[in-house]
Amino acid sequence: MDAATLKREMKIHYPDEPGGWRSVWAFYQKMRVGDYVVARTGRSTALGIGRVTSSAYKDDVRGQERAGGYHPWFKSHFRNVEWLSTKQEEFGHIVFAIATVTQLGTHLEEVLAGYNDAGR
């Protein structure tokens, strides 16, 4: 599926998430095995850092298990991750974009420094 088709389909099925297609596209097309991922809450708090160990895949059963049953908002798209650290790290300023999947850009070194025990 190309980006234009994904954008059109997302607009039909998820009209309240106009930019959501970018995160889905990045999750499937840009993210690579070996990339760092950061689990975060909000825009300045990280919950852990890991490395991607698999290609993206869809698993409806796992998605429903994670969500506690079927919900209209449940997500069934996964990538396996080796978690290098699950300590919470507060940065005290905005580090992360609003989008679910995005590159860290200028904050990459800062985040990695916060997790210097995470295989850096």
C-alpha atoms as a PDB file:
ATOM      1  CA  MET A   1       0.000   0.000   0.000  1.00  0.00           C
ATOM      2  CA  ASP A   2       1.361   3.425  -0.863  1.00  0.00           C
ATOM      3  CA  ALA A   3       1.197   6.475   1.425  1.00  0.00           C
ATOM      4  CA  ALA A   4      -1.676   8.123  -0.483  1.00  0.00           C
ATOM      5  CA  THR A   5      -3.846   5.003  -0.203  1.00  0.00           C
ATOM      6  CA  LEU A   6      -3.047   4.641   3.499  1.00  0.00           C
ATOM      7  CA  LYS A   7      -3.907   8.303   4.101  1.00  0.00           C
ATOM      8  CA  ARG A   8      -7.234   7.918   2.277  1.00  0.00           C
ATOM      9  CA  GLU A   9      -8.152   4.708   4.148  1.00  0.00           C
ATOM     10  CA  MET A  10      -7.207   6.180   7.518  1.00  0.00           C
ATOM     11  CA  LYS A  11      -9.347   9.242   6.809  1.00  0.00           C
ATOM     12  CA  ILE A  12     -12.340   6.954   6.125  1.00  0.00           C
ATOM     13  CA  HIS A  13     -11.853   4.623   9.102  1.00  0.00           C
ATOM     14  CA  TYR A  14     -10.339   7.051  11.640  1.00  0.00           C
ATOM     15  CA  PRO A  15     -11.747  10.503  10.799  1.00  0.00           C
ATOM     16  CA  ASP A  16     -10.843  11.852  14.271  1.00  0.00           C
ATOM     17  CA  GLU A  17      -7.141  11.078  13.727  1.00  0.00           C
ATOM     18  CA  PRO A  18      -6.241  13.107  10.615  1.00  0.00           C
ATOM     19  CA  GLY A  19      -2.475  12.702  11.063  1.00  0.00           C
ATOM     20  CA  GLY A  20      -2.543   9.124  12.333  1.00  0.00           C
ATOM     21  CA  TRP A  21      -1.565   7.737   8.952  1.00  0.00           C
ATOM     22  CA  ARG A  22       1.947   9.201   9.408  1.00  0.00           C
ATOM     23  CA  SER A  23       2.575   7.084  12.511  1.00  0.00           C
ATOM     24  CA  VAL A  24       1.207   3.947  10.837  1.00  0.00           C
ATOM     25  CA  TRP A  25       3.378   4.617   7.769  1.00  0.00           C
ATOM     26  CA  ALA A  26       6.466   5.166   9.930  1.00  0.00           C
ATOM     27  CA  PHE A  27       5.713   2.038  11.988  1.00  0.00           C
ATOM     28  CA  TYR A  28       5.539  -0.170   8.885  1.00  0.00           C
ATOM     29  CA  GLN A  29       7.806   1.576   6.377  1.00  0.00           C
ATOM     30  CA  LYS A  30      10.456   3.648   8.169  1.00  0.00           C
ATOM     31  CA  MET A  31      11.171   1.836  11.430  1.00  0.00           C
ATOM     32  CA  ARG A  32      13.866  -0.837  11.062  1.00  0.00           C
ATOM     33  CA  VAL A  33      15.132  -3.772  13.090  1.00  0.00           C
ATOM     34  CA  GLY A  34      17.868  -2.366  15.331  1.00  0.00           C
ATOM     35  CA  ASP A  35      16.257   1.078  15.746  1.00  0.00           C
ATOM     36  CA  TYR A  36      15.844   2.431  19.255  1.00  0.00           C
ATOM     37  CA  VAL A  37      12.302   2.890  20.543  1.00  0.00           C
ATOM     38  CA  VAL A  38      11.204   4.861  23.567  1.00  0.00           C
ATOM     39  CA  ALA A  39       8.037   4.101  25.509  1.00  0.00           C
ATOM     40  CA  ARG A  40       6.812   7.439  26.749  1.00  0.00           C
ATOM     41  CA  THR A  41       4.010   9.151  28.568  1.00  0.00           C
ATOM     42  CA  GLY A  42       3.369  12.744  27.661  1.00  0.00           C
ATOM     43  CA  ARG A  43       6.026  14.777  25.905  1.00  0.00           C
ATOM     44  CA  SER A  44       8.762  14.857  28.548  1.00  0.00           C
ATOM     45  CA  THR A  45       8.707  11.494  30.348  1.00  0.00           C
ATOM     46  CA  ALA A  46      10.199   8.247  29.051  1.00  0.00           C
ATOM     47  CA  LEU A  47       9.186   4.917  30.568  1.00  0.00           C
ATOM     48  CA  GLY A  48      11.833   2.787  28.890  1.00  0.00           C
ATOM     49  CA  ILE A  49      14.097   2.330  25.916  1.00  0.00           C
ATOM     50  CA  GLY A  50      14.599  -0.681  23.705  1.00  0.00           C
ATOM     51  CA  ARG A  51      15.659  -1.918  20.289  1.00  0.00           C
ATOM     52  CA  VAL A  52      13.330  -3.217  17.601  1.00  0.00           C
ATOM     53  CA  THR A  53      13.902  -6.941  16.965  1.00  0.00           C
ATOM     54  CA  SER A  54      11.235  -7.757  14.355  1.00  0.00           C
ATOM     55  CA  SER A  55       9.414  -6.477  11.336  1.00  0.00           C
ATOM     56  CA  ALA A  56       5.908  -5.100  11.868  1.00  0.00           C
ATOM     57  CA  TYR A  57       3.063  -7.583  12.026  1.00  0.00           C
ATOM     58  CA  LYS A  58      -0.662  -7.649  12.758  1.00  0.00           C
ATOM     59  CA  ASP A  59      -2.092  -9.925  15.456  1.00  0.00           C
ATOM     60  CA  ASP A  60      -5.765  -9.334  16.335  1.00  0.00           C
ATOM     61  CA  VAL A  61      -5.761 -11.906  19.149  1.00  0.00           C
ATOM     62  CA  ARG A  62      -2.764 -10.274  20.859  1.00  0.00           C
ATOM     63  CA  GLY A  63      -4.318  -6.841  20.315  1.00  0.00           C
ATOM     64  CA  GLN A  64      -7.552  -7.894  22.001  1.00  0.00           C
ATOM     65  CA  GLU A  65      -5.653  -9.510  24.873  1.00  0.00           C
ATOM     66  CA  ARG A  66      -3.693  -6.300  25.416  1.00  0.00           C
ATOM     67  CA  ALA A  67      -6.871  -4.200  25.357  1.00  0.00           C
ATOM     68  CA  GLY A  68      -8.908  -6.569  27.553  1.00  0.00           C
ATOM     69  CA  GLY A  69     -11.268  -7.558  24.734  1.00  0.00           C
ATOM     70  CA  TYR A  70     -12.453  -5.921  21.568  1.00  0.00           C
ATOM     71  CA  HIS A  71     -12.688  -2.136  21.656  1.00  0.00           C
ATOM     72  CA  PRO A  72     -13.108   0.142  18.653  1.00  0.00           C
ATOM     73  CA  TRP A  73      -9.781   1.775  19.551  1.00  0.00           C
ATOM     74  CA  PHE A  74      -7.704  -1.352  20.148  1.00  0.00           C
ATOM     75  CA  LYS A  75      -4.524  -1.654  18.110  1.00  0.00           C
ATOM     76  CA  SER A  76      -3.319  -4.962  16.748  1.00  0.00           C
ATOM     77  CA  HIS A  77      -0.068  -3.903  15.104  1.00  0.00           C
ATOM     78  CA  PHE A  78       3.177  -4.955  16.752  1.00  0.00           C
ATOM     79  CA  ARG A  79       6.942  -5.040  16.536  1.00  0.00           C
ATOM     80  CA  ASN A  80       8.958  -7.093  18.979  1.00  0.00           C
ATOM     81  CA  VAL A  81      11.286  -5.064  21.175  1.00  0.00           C
ATOM     82  CA  GLU A  82      14.190  -6.011  23.420  1.00  0.00           C
ATOM     83  CA  TRP A  83      13.797  -3.634  26.360  1.00  0.00           C
ATOM     84  CA  LEU A  84      17.203  -2.359  27.436  1.00  0.00           C
ATOM     85  CA  SER A  85      15.894  -0.339  30.367  1.00  0.00           C
ATOM     86  CA  THR A  86      12.471   0.246  31.869  1.00  0.00           C
ATOM     87  CA  LYS A  87      13.392   2.985  34.299  1.00  0.00           C
ATOM     88  CA  GLN A  88      11.314   6.152  34.161  1.00  0.00           C
ATOM     89  CA  GLU A  89      13.263   9.177  32.974  1.00  0.00           C
ATOM     90  CA  GLU A  90      11.968  12.760  33.445  1.00  0.00           C
ATOM     91  CA  PHE A  91      13.533  15.329  31.134  1.00  0.00           C
ATOM     92  CA  GLY A  92      11.863  18.458  32.533  1.00  0.00           C
ATOM     93  CA  HIS A  93      11.143  19.899  29.075  1.00  0.00           C
ATOM     94  CA  ILE A  94       9.504  18.775  25.834  1.00  0.00           C
ATOM     95  CA  VAL A  95      11.543  16.028  24.195  1.00  0.00           C
ATOM     96  CA  PHE A  96       8.925  13.992  22.340  1.00  0.00           C
ATOM     97  CA  ALA A  97       6.582  14.970  19.530  1.00  0.00           C
ATOM     98  CA  ILE A  98       2.845  14.415  19.826  1.00  0.00           C
ATOM     99  CA  ALA A  99       2.859  11.760  17.096  1.00  0.00           C
ATOM    100  CA  THR A 100       3.020   8.155  18.295  1.00  0.00           C
ATOM    101  CA  VAL A 101       5.894   7.234  15.982  1.00  0.00           C
ATOM    102  CA  THR A 102       8.464   9.909  15.267  1.00  0.00           C
ATOM    103  CA  GLN A 103      12.208  10.371  15.108  1.00  0.00           C
ATOM    104  CA  LEU A 104      13.848  11.952  18.127  1.00  0.00           C
ATOM    105  CA  GLY A 105      16.037  14.203  16.005  1.00  0.00           C
ATOM    106  CA  THR A 106      17.911  16.737  18.122  1.00  0.00           C
ATOM    107  CA  HIS A 107      16.932  15.002  21.380  1.00  0.00           C
ATOM    108  CA  LEU A 108      18.366  11.580  20.487  1.00  0.00           C
ATOM    109  CA  GLU A 109      21.662  12.041  22.353  1.00  0.00           C
ATOM    110  CA  GLU A 110      19.857  13.480  25.384  1.00  0.00           C
ATOM    111  CA  VAL A 111      17.533  10.480  25.597  1.00  0.00           C
ATOM    112  CA  LEU A 112      20.373   8.012  25.116  1.00  0.00           C
ATOM    113  CA  ALA A 113      22.383   9.786  27.817  1.00  0.00           C
ATOM    114  CA  GLY A 114      19.435   9.338  30.192  1.00  0.00           C
ATOM    115  CA  TYR A 115      19.661   5.629  29.488  1.00  0.00           C
ATOM    116  CA  ASN A 116      23.449   5.304  29.342  1.00  0.00           C
ATOM    117  CA  ASP A 117      23.157   1.782  30.775  1.00  0.00           C
ATOM    118  CA  ALA A 118      20.983   0.756  27.813  1.00  0.00           C
ATOM    119  CA  GLY A 119      23.656  -0.506  25.443  1.00  0.00           C
ATOM    120  CA  ARG A 120      24.910   2.800  24.180  1.00  0.00           C
END
